[in-house]
Each structure stands twice: as structure tokens, then as C-alpha cells.
Amino acid sequence: MNIMQRDETTKKKSYTWASYIQVLEEEVPRCWQLGQIFMQDNAPIHTAGEVKEWFENIGIPLLEWPPYLLDLNPIEYLWHLIKTWI
């Protein structure tokens, strides 16, 4: 099941900040509660100015993520071992 719609007008016919906001508008009110912080990664559709503005306008704080942090991404340890082995 796919709840996001691809944007057929983009080069790669992929997801955009607009399709992400559409999902946020439908899903966040059902599950977000006062006092929570919303967490998302640094995917371009998550970090778009329009998305940050959407969260700001409705008063939901975002957890700031560094662009790259090995400790929070366990698969990076595996990639390092594989690269070392090869």
C-alpha cells in the first residue's frame, strides 16, 4: 500500500515536498500529541522549506538531524566492514 502519490510532472516521476505535505495533512493530526517532537530524516522532501514552514505554521517542533551521523545509522557499520573486506 502506498499512501504517497508520485508527481508525474517531475523528471524521475518521484515524490515531492507537495506529496509529502499532503500525507502529513492527512496523517499527523491522527497521531501527533502536544509535547511530542516530530522526527524525520534528511531526505530532500523532508528538508524542503515548504515542509519546514508547514510544521512551523501548525506548531509542531522538528528534531534537528545532522546531515550524516554514523552512530544513528547502523547499516553504515556494515558497509564499512564490507568495504574493508573487499
PDB file of N, CA and C in Angstrom:
ATOM      1  N   MET A   1       0.841  -1.179   0.000  1.00  0.00           N
ATOM      2  CA  MET A   1       0.000   0.000   0.000  1.00  0.00           C
ATOM      3  C   MET A   1       0.884   1.239   0.000  1.00  0.00           C
ATOM      4  N   ASN A   2       0.599   2.162  -0.850  1.00  0.00           N
ATOM      5  CA  ASN A   2       1.388   3.380  -0.973  1.00  0.00           C
ATOM      6  C   ASN A   2       0.474   4.566  -0.694  1.00  0.00           C
ATOM      7  N   ILE A   3       0.785   5.341   0.341  1.00  0.00           N
ATOM      8  CA  ILE A   3      -0.090   6.462   0.668  1.00  0.00           C
ATOM      9  C   ILE A   3       0.365   7.774   0.043  1.00  0.00           C
ATOM     10  N   MET A   4       1.576   7.781  -0.527  1.00  0.00           N
ATOM     11  CA  MET A   4       2.054   8.988  -1.202  1.00  0.00           C
ATOM     12  C   MET A   4       1.883   8.840  -2.704  1.00  0.00           C
ATOM     13  N   GLN A   5       1.531   9.924  -3.326  1.00  0.00           N
ATOM     14  CA  GLN A   5       1.363   9.932  -4.775  1.00  0.00           C
ATOM     15  C   GLN A   5       2.634  10.460  -5.438  1.00  0.00           C
ATOM     16  N   ARG A   6       3.078   9.782  -6.468  1.00  0.00           N
ATOM     17  CA  ARG A   6       4.231  10.265  -7.229  1.00  0.00           C
ATOM     18  C   ARG A   6       3.796  11.467  -8.068  1.00  0.00           C
ATOM     19  N   ASP A   7       4.731  12.381  -8.269  1.00  0.00           N
ATOM     20  CA  ASP A   7       4.464  13.551  -9.091  1.00  0.00           C
ATOM     21  C   ASP A   7       4.914  13.238 -10.512  1.00  0.00           C
ATOM     22  N   GLU A   8       3.975  13.002 -11.377  1.00  0.00           N
ATOM     23  CA  GLU A   8       4.269  12.617 -12.762  1.00  0.00           C
ATOM     24  C   GLU A   8       4.916  13.742 -13.564  1.00  0.00           C
ATOM     25  N   THR A   9       4.900  14.953 -13.052  1.00  0.00           N
ATOM     26  CA  THR A   9       5.480  16.080 -13.795  1.00  0.00           C
ATOM     27  C   THR A   9       6.974  16.242 -13.525  1.00  0.00           C
ATOM     28  N   THR A  10       7.521  15.519 -12.546  1.00  0.00           N
ATOM     29  CA  THR A  10       8.951  15.634 -12.260  1.00  0.00           C
ATOM     30  C   THR A  10       9.746  14.730 -13.187  1.00  0.00           C
ATOM     31  N   LYS A  11      11.040  15.018 -13.297  1.00  0.00           N
ATOM     32  CA  LYS A  11      11.915  14.253 -14.174  1.00  0.00           C
ATOM     33  C   LYS A  11      11.866  12.762 -13.897  1.00  0.00           C
ATOM     34  N   LYS A  12      11.999  12.411 -12.620  1.00  0.00           N
ATOM     35  CA  LYS A  12      12.058  10.999 -12.240  1.00  0.00           C
ATOM     36  C   LYS A  12      10.707  10.440 -11.815  1.00  0.00           C
ATOM     37  N   LYS A  13       9.666  11.253 -11.994  1.00  0.00           N
ATOM     38  CA  LYS A  13       8.318  10.848 -11.574  1.00  0.00           C
ATOM     39  C   LYS A  13       8.342  10.327 -10.136  1.00  0.00           C
ATOM     40  N   SER A  14       8.940  11.145  -9.274  1.00  0.00           N
ATOM     41  CA  SER A  14       9.131  10.720  -7.888  1.00  0.00           C
ATOM     42  C   SER A  14       8.263  11.533  -6.937  1.00  0.00           C
ATOM     43  N   TYR A  15       8.543  11.371  -5.669  1.00  0.00           N
ATOM     44  CA  TYR A  15       7.802  12.080  -4.634  1.00  0.00           C
ATOM     45  C   TYR A  15       8.364  13.488  -4.481  1.00  0.00           C
ATOM     46  N   THR A  16       7.502  14.401  -4.077  1.00  0.00           N
ATOM     47  CA  THR A  16       7.917  15.784  -3.894  1.00  0.00           C
ATOM     48  C   THR A  16       7.482  16.267  -2.520  1.00  0.00           C
ATOM     49  N   TRP A  17       7.964  17.452  -2.160  1.00  0.00           N
ATOM     50  CA  TRP A  17       7.545  18.035  -0.874  1.00  0.00           C
ATOM     51  C   TRP A  17       6.032  18.195  -0.838  1.00  0.00           C
ATOM     52  N   ALA A  18       5.421  18.465  -1.990  1.00  0.00           N
ATOM     53  CA  ALA A  18       3.966  18.658  -2.034  1.00  0.00           C
ATOM     54  C   ALA A  18       3.228  17.357  -1.704  1.00  0.00           C
ATOM     55  N   SER A  19       3.703  16.234  -2.244  1.00  0.00           N
ATOM     56  CA  SER A  19       3.053  14.953  -1.934  1.00  0.00           C
ATOM     57  C   SER A  19       3.294  14.570  -0.478  1.00  0.00           C
ATOM     58  N   TYR A  20       4.445  14.951   0.064  1.00  0.00           N
ATOM     59  CA  TYR A  20       4.748  14.682   1.467  1.00  0.00           C
ATOM     60  C   TYR A  20       3.825  15.493   2.380  1.00  0.00           C
ATOM     61  N   ILE A  21       3.650  16.770   2.063  1.00  0.00           N
ATOM     62  CA  ILE A  21       2.757  17.615   2.867  1.00  0.00           C
ATOM     63  C   ILE A  21       1.324  17.085   2.820  1.00  0.00           C
ATOM     64  N   GLN A  22       0.908  16.582   1.676  1.00  0.00           N
ATOM     65  CA  GLN A  22      -0.443  16.021   1.568  1.00  0.00           C
ATOM     66  C   GLN A  22      -0.617  14.873   2.563  1.00  0.00           C
ATOM     67  N   VAL A  23       0.383  14.005   2.667  1.00  0.00           N
ATOM     68  CA  VAL A  23       0.312  12.892   3.616  1.00  0.00           C
ATOM     69  C   VAL A  23       0.347  13.419   5.051  1.00  0.00           C
ATOM     70  N   LEU A  24       1.211  14.399   5.301  1.00  0.00           N
ATOM     71  CA  LEU A  24       1.289  14.978   6.649  1.00  0.00           C
ATOM     72  C   LEU A  24      -0.067  15.537   7.072  1.00  0.00           C
ATOM     73  N   GLU A  25      -0.714  16.267   6.172  1.00  0.00           N
ATOM     74  CA  GLU A  25      -2.011  16.879   6.496  1.00  0.00           C
ATOM     75  C   GLU A  25      -3.060  15.824   6.830  1.00  0.00           C
ATOM     76  N   GLU A  26      -2.962  14.664   6.198  1.00  0.00           N
ATOM     77  CA  GLU A  26      -3.934  13.598   6.441  1.00  0.00           C
ATOM     78  C   GLU A  26      -3.599  12.770   7.682  1.00  0.00           C
ATOM     79  N   GLU A  27      -2.325  12.521   7.927  1.00  0.00           N
ATOM     80  CA  GLU A  27      -1.933  11.560   8.949  1.00  0.00           C
ATOM     81  C   GLU A  27      -1.488  12.161  10.287  1.00  0.00           C
ATOM     82  N   VAL A  28      -0.796  13.287  10.270  1.00  0.00           N
ATOM     83  CA  VAL A  28      -0.252  13.837  11.513  1.00  0.00           C
ATOM     84  C   VAL A  28      -1.336  14.178  12.538  1.00  0.00           C
ATOM     85  N   PRO A  29      -2.441  14.797  12.155  1.00  0.00           N
ATOM     86  CA  PRO A  29      -3.464  15.108  13.167  1.00  0.00           C
ATOM     87  C   PRO A  29      -3.989  13.878  13.913  1.00  0.00           C
ATOM     88  N   ARG A  30      -3.933  12.711  13.291  1.00  0.00           N
ATOM     89  CA  ARG A  30      -4.416  11.486  13.936  1.00  0.00           C
ATOM     90  C   ARG A  30      -3.491  10.996  15.039  1.00  0.00           C
ATOM     91  N   CYS A  31      -2.181  11.277  14.918  1.00  0.00           N
ATOM     92  CA  CYS A  31      -1.244  10.634  15.837  1.00  0.00           C
ATOM     93  C   CYS A  31      -0.370  11.582  16.646  1.00  0.00           C
ATOM     94  N   TRP A  32      -0.218  12.817  16.216  1.00  0.00           N
ATOM     95  CA  TRP A  32       0.658  13.732  16.947  1.00  0.00           C
ATOM     96  C   TRP A  32      -0.063  14.283  18.166  1.00  0.00           C
ATOM     97  N   GLN A  33       0.677  14.372  19.290  1.00  0.00           N
ATOM     98  CA  GLN A  33       0.118  14.908  20.523  1.00  0.00           C
ATOM     99  C   GLN A  33       1.019  16.017  21.040  1.00  0.00           C
ATOM    100  N   LEU A  34       0.430  16.959  21.723  1.00  0.00           N
ATOM    101  CA  LEU A  34       1.159  18.073  22.310  1.00  0.00           C
ATOM    102  C   LEU A  34       2.317  17.542  23.153  1.00  0.00           C
ATOM    103  N   GLY A  35       3.473  18.147  23.000  1.00  0.00           N
ATOM    104  CA  GLY A  35       4.650  17.737  23.746  1.00  0.00           C
ATOM    105  C   GLY A  35       5.570  16.805  22.969  1.00  0.00           C
ATOM    106  N   GLN A  36       5.097  16.275  21.854  1.00  0.00           N
ATOM    107  CA  GLN A  36       5.932  15.401  21.046  1.00  0.00           C
ATOM    108  C   GLN A  36       6.780  16.220  20.083  1.00  0.00           C
ATOM    109  N   ILE A  37       7.867  15.625  19.646  1.00  0.00           N
ATOM    110  CA  ILE A  37       8.740  16.223  18.631  1.00  0.00           C
ATOM    111  C   ILE A  37       8.698  15.302  17.423  1.00  0.00           C
ATOM    112  N   PHE A  38       8.486  15.872  16.247  1.00  0.00           N
ATOM    113  CA  PHE A  38       8.390  15.073  15.026  1.00  0.00           C
ATOM    114  C   PHE A  38       9.799  14.777  14.518  1.00  0.00           C
ATOM    115  N   MET A  39      10.036  13.526  14.154  1.00  0.00           N
ATOM    116  CA  MET A  39      11.346  13.110  13.690  1.00  0.00           C
ATOM    117  C   MET A  39      11.250  12.621  12.252  1.00  0.00           C
ATOM    118  N   GLN A  40      12.134  13.127  11.417  1.00  0.00           N
ATOM    119  CA  GLN A  40      12.230  12.676  10.030  1.00  0.00           C
ATOM    120  C   GLN A  40      13.696  12.756   9.633  1.00  0.00           C
ATOM    121  N   ASP A  41      14.073  12.064   8.577  1.00  0.00           N
ATOM    122  CA  ASP A  41      15.474  12.093   8.175  1.00  0.00           C
ATOM    123  C   ASP A  41      15.746  13.297   7.267  1.00  0.00           C
ATOM    124  N   ASN A  42      16.896  13.321   6.656  1.00  0.00           N
ATOM    125  CA  ASN A  42      17.289  14.460   5.827  1.00  0.00           C
ATOM    126  C   ASN A  42      17.000  14.264   4.344  1.00  0.00           C
ATOM    127  N   ALA A  43      15.996  13.478   4.028  1.00  0.00           N
ATOM    128  CA  ALA A  43      15.597  13.333   2.625  1.00  0.00           C
ATOM    129  C   ALA A  43      15.195  14.714   2.104  1.00  0.00           C
ATOM    130  N   PRO A  44      15.506  15.014   0.855  1.00  0.00           N
ATOM    131  CA  PRO A  44      15.188  16.334   0.319  1.00  0.00           C
ATOM    132  C   PRO A  44      13.726  16.758   0.488  1.00  0.00           C
ATOM    133  N   ILE A  45      12.782  15.828   0.361  1.00  0.00           N
ATOM    134  CA  ILE A  45      11.377  16.228   0.532  1.00  0.00           C
ATOM    135  C   ILE A  45      11.071  16.553   1.984  1.00  0.00           C
ATOM    136  N   HIS A  46      11.858  16.033   2.921  1.00  0.00           N
ATOM    137  CA  HIS A  46      11.655  16.333   4.340  1.00  0.00           C
ATOM    138  C   HIS A  46      12.263  17.677   4.727  1.00  0.00           C
ATOM    139  N   THR A  47      13.323  18.066   4.058  1.00  0.00           N
ATOM    140  CA  THR A  47      14.035  19.287   4.430  1.00  0.00           C
ATOM    141  C   THR A  47      13.661  20.494   3.573  1.00  0.00           C
ATOM    142  N   ALA A  48      12.721  20.315   2.677  1.00  0.00           N
ATOM    143  CA  ALA A  48      12.282  21.432   1.826  1.00  0.00           C
ATOM    144  C   ALA A  48      11.726  22.562   2.696  1.00  0.00           C
ATOM    145  N   GLY A  49      11.971  23.775   2.279  1.00  0.00           N
ATOM    146  CA  GLY A  49      11.488  24.934   3.023  1.00  0.00           C
ATOM    147  C   GLY A  49       9.993  24.921   3.255  1.00  0.00           C
ATOM    148  N   GLU A  50       9.250  24.459   2.269  1.00  0.00           N
ATOM    149  CA  GLU A  50       7.792  24.397   2.390  1.00  0.00           C
ATOM    150  C   GLU A  50       7.363  23.435   3.498  1.00  0.00           C
ATOM    151  N   VAL A  51       8.094  22.342   3.647  1.00  0.00           N
ATOM    152  CA  VAL A  51       7.773  21.352   4.681  1.00  0.00           C
ATOM    153  C   VAL A  51       8.101  21.923   6.057  1.00  0.00           C
ATOM    154  N   LYS A  52       9.284  22.541   6.181  1.00  0.00           N
ATOM    155  CA  LYS A  52       9.649  23.164   7.459  1.00  0.00           C
ATOM    156  C   LYS A  52       8.635  24.240   7.843  1.00  0.00           C
ATOM    157  N   GLU A  53       8.205  25.008   6.858  1.00  0.00           N
ATOM    158  CA  GLU A  53       7.211  26.064   7.092  1.00  0.00           C
ATOM    159  C   GLU A  53       5.870  25.463   7.524  1.00  0.00           C
ATOM    160  N   TRP A  54       5.487  24.337   6.936  1.00  0.00           N
ATOM    161  CA  TRP A  54       4.236  23.675   7.300  1.00  0.00           C
ATOM    162  C   TRP A  54       4.261  23.292   8.775  1.00  0.00           C
ATOM    163  N   PHE A  55       5.352  22.674   9.210  1.00  0.00           N
ATOM    164  CA  PHE A  55       5.471  22.287  10.616  1.00  0.00           C
ATOM    165  C   PHE A  55       5.465  23.509  11.527  1.00  0.00           C
ATOM    166  N   GLU A  56       6.159  24.551  11.127  1.00  0.00           N
ATOM    167  CA  GLU A  56       6.210  25.782  11.916  1.00  0.00           C
ATOM    168  C   GLU A  56       4.816  26.405  12.040  1.00  0.00           C
ATOM    169  N   ASN A  57       4.077  26.442  10.953  1.00  0.00           N
ATOM    170  CA  ASN A  57       2.736  27.046  10.954  1.00  0.00           C
ATOM    171  C   ASN A  57       1.753  26.316  11.862  1.00  0.00           C
ATOM    172  N   ILE A  58       1.897  25.002  11.987  1.00  0.00           N
ATOM    173  CA  ILE A  58       0.968  24.290  12.851  1.00  0.00           C
ATOM    174  C   ILE A  58       1.546  24.021  14.241  1.00  0.00           C
ATOM    175  N   GLY A  59       2.773  24.490  14.466  1.00  0.00           N
ATOM    176  CA  GLY A  59       3.352  24.428  15.809  1.00  0.00           C
ATOM    177  C   GLY A  59       3.902  23.089  16.238  1.00  0.00           C
ATOM    178  N   ILE A  60       4.347  22.295  15.294  1.00  0.00           N
ATOM    179  CA  ILE A  60       4.957  21.013  15.647  1.00  0.00           C
ATOM    180  C   ILE A  60       6.475  21.160  15.547  1.00  0.00           C
ATOM    181  N   PRO A  61       7.173  20.925  16.669  1.00  0.00           N
ATOM    182  CA  PRO A  61       8.637  21.035  16.636  1.00  0.00           C
ATOM    183  C   PRO A  61       9.267  19.844  15.913  1.00  0.00           C
ATOM    184  N   LEU A  62      10.363  20.114  15.217  1.00  0.00           N
ATOM    185  CA  LEU A  62      11.097  19.073  14.499  1.00  0.00           C
ATOM    186  C   LEU A  62      12.398  18.762  15.214  1.00  0.00           C
ATOM    187  N   LEU A  63      12.779  17.498  15.222  1.00  0.00           N
ATOM    188  CA  LEU A  63      14.072  17.102  15.742  1.00  0.00           C
ATOM    189  C   LEU A  63      15.096  17.398  14.659  1.00  0.00           C
ATOM    190  N   GLU A  64      16.099  18.180  14.985  1.00  0.00           N
ATOM    191  CA  GLU A  64      17.143  18.508  14.017  1.00  0.00           C
ATOM    192  C   GLU A  64      18.122  17.340  13.909  1.00  0.00           C
ATOM    193  N   TRP A  65      18.376  16.911  12.682  1.00  0.00           N
ATOM    194  CA  TRP A  65      19.316  15.827  12.433  1.00  0.00           C
ATOM    195  C   TRP A  65      20.545  16.369  11.733  1.00  0.00           C
ATOM    196  N   PRO A  66      21.716  15.899  12.133  1.00  0.00           N
ATOM    197  CA  PRO A  66      22.916  16.272  11.376  1.00  0.00           C
ATOM    198  C   PRO A  66      22.851  15.614  10.003  1.00  0.00           C
ATOM    199  N   PRO A  67      23.511  16.194   9.002  1.00  0.00           N
ATOM    200  CA  PRO A  67      23.433  15.636   7.651  1.00  0.00           C
ATOM    201  C   PRO A  67      23.931  14.190   7.569  1.00  0.00           C
ATOM    202  N   TYR A  68      24.900  13.846   8.390  1.00  0.00           N
ATOM    203  CA  TYR A  68      25.428  12.483   8.350  1.00  0.00           C
ATOM    204  C   TYR A  68      25.927  12.151   9.748  1.00  0.00           C
ATOM    205  N   LEU A  69      25.384  11.123  10.335  1.00  0.00           N
ATOM    206  CA  LEU A  69      25.812  10.717  11.666  1.00  0.00           C
ATOM    207  C   LEU A  69      25.849   9.204  11.702  1.00  0.00           C
ATOM    208  N   LEU A  70      27.042   8.660  11.671  1.00  0.00           N
ATOM    209  CA  LEU A  70      27.252   7.229  11.610  1.00  0.00           C
ATOM    210  C   LEU A  70      26.548   6.492  12.746  1.00  0.00           C
ATOM    211  N   ASP A  71      26.602   7.031  13.955  1.00  0.00           N
ATOM    212  CA  ASP A  71      26.051   6.343  15.123  1.00  0.00           C
ATOM    213  C   ASP A  71      24.551   6.082  15.015  1.00  0.00           C
ATOM    214  N   LEU A  72      23.823   6.910  14.306  1.00  0.00           N
ATOM    215  CA  LEU A  72      22.384   6.751  14.209  1.00  0.00           C
ATOM    216  C   LEU A  72      21.951   5.884  13.031  1.00  0.00           C
ATOM    217  N   ASN A  73      22.906   5.422  12.266  1.00  0.00           N
ATOM    218  CA  ASN A  73      22.580   4.622  11.101  1.00  0.00           C
ATOM    219  C   ASN A  73      23.384   3.320  11.146  1.00  0.00           C
ATOM    220  N   PRO A  74      22.866   2.277  11.795  1.00  0.00           N
ATOM    221  CA  PRO A  74      23.624   1.035  11.993  1.00  0.00           C
ATOM    222  C   PRO A  74      24.122   0.381  10.708  1.00  0.00           C
ATOM    223  N   ILE A  75      23.427   0.556   9.601  1.00  0.00           N
ATOM    224  CA  ILE A  75      23.855  -0.088   8.361  1.00  0.00           C
ATOM    225  C   ILE A  75      25.216   0.440   7.913  1.00  0.00           C
ATOM    226  N   GLU A  76      25.562   1.661   8.322  1.00  0.00           N
ATOM    227  CA  GLU A  76      26.854   2.232   7.936  1.00  0.00           C
ATOM    228  C   GLU A  76      28.012   1.414   8.496  1.00  0.00           C
ATOM    229  N   TYR A  77      27.831   0.832   9.669  1.00  0.00           N
ATOM    230  CA  TYR A  77      28.868  -0.031  10.230  1.00  0.00           C
ATOM    231  C   TYR A  77      29.085  -1.248   9.339  1.00  0.00           C
ATOM    232  N   LEU A  78      28.002  -1.819   8.857  1.00  0.00           N
ATOM    233  CA  LEU A  78      28.096  -2.976   7.977  1.00  0.00           C
ATOM    234  C   LEU A  78      28.771  -2.594   6.661  1.00  0.00           C
ATOM    235  N   TRP A  79      28.387  -1.455   6.086  1.00  0.00           N
ATOM    236  CA  TRP A  79      29.013  -1.018   4.830  1.00  0.00           C
ATOM    237  C   TRP A  79      30.516  -0.836   5.031  1.00  0.00           C
ATOM    238  N   HIS A  80      30.909  -0.293   6.176  1.00  0.00           N
ATOM    239  CA  HIS A  80      32.333  -0.098   6.460  1.00  0.00           C
ATOM    240  C   HIS A  80      33.050  -1.460   6.486  1.00  0.00           C
ATOM    241  N   LEU A  81      32.458  -2.438   7.148  1.00  0.00           N
ATOM    242  CA  LEU A  81      33.077  -3.781   7.204  1.00  0.00           C
ATOM    243  C   LEU A  81      33.183  -4.406   5.813  1.00  0.00           C
ATOM    244  N   ILE A  82      32.133  -4.254   5.025  1.00  0.00           N
ATOM    245  CA  ILE A  82      32.153  -4.823   3.663  1.00  0.00           C
ATOM    246  C   ILE A  82      33.225  -4.144   2.811  1.00  0.00           C
ATOM    247  N   LYS A  83      33.311  -2.817   2.894  1.00  0.00           N
ATOM    248  CA  LYS A  83      34.319  -2.078   2.118  1.00  0.00           C
ATOM    249  C   LYS A  83      35.726  -2.476   2.552  1.00  0.00           C
ATOM    250  N   THR A  84      35.925  -2.653   3.844  1.00  0.00           N
ATOM    251  CA  THR A  84      37.232  -3.061   4.357  1.00  0.00           C
ATOM    252  C   THR A  84      37.575  -4.469   3.859  1.00  0.00           C
ATOM    253  N   TRP A  85      36.606  -5.355   3.875  1.00  0.00           N
ATOM    254  CA  TRP A  85      36.816  -6.723   3.452  1.00  0.00           C
ATOM    255  C   TRP A  85      37.145  -6.794   1.969  1.00  0.00           C
ATOM    256  N   ILE A  86      36.464  -5.985   1.166  1.00  0.00           N
ATOM    257  CA  ILE A  86      36.680  -6.001  -0.291  1.00  0.00           C
ATOM    258  C   ILE A  86      38.022  -5.380  -0.593  1.00  0.00           C
TER     259      ILE A  86
END
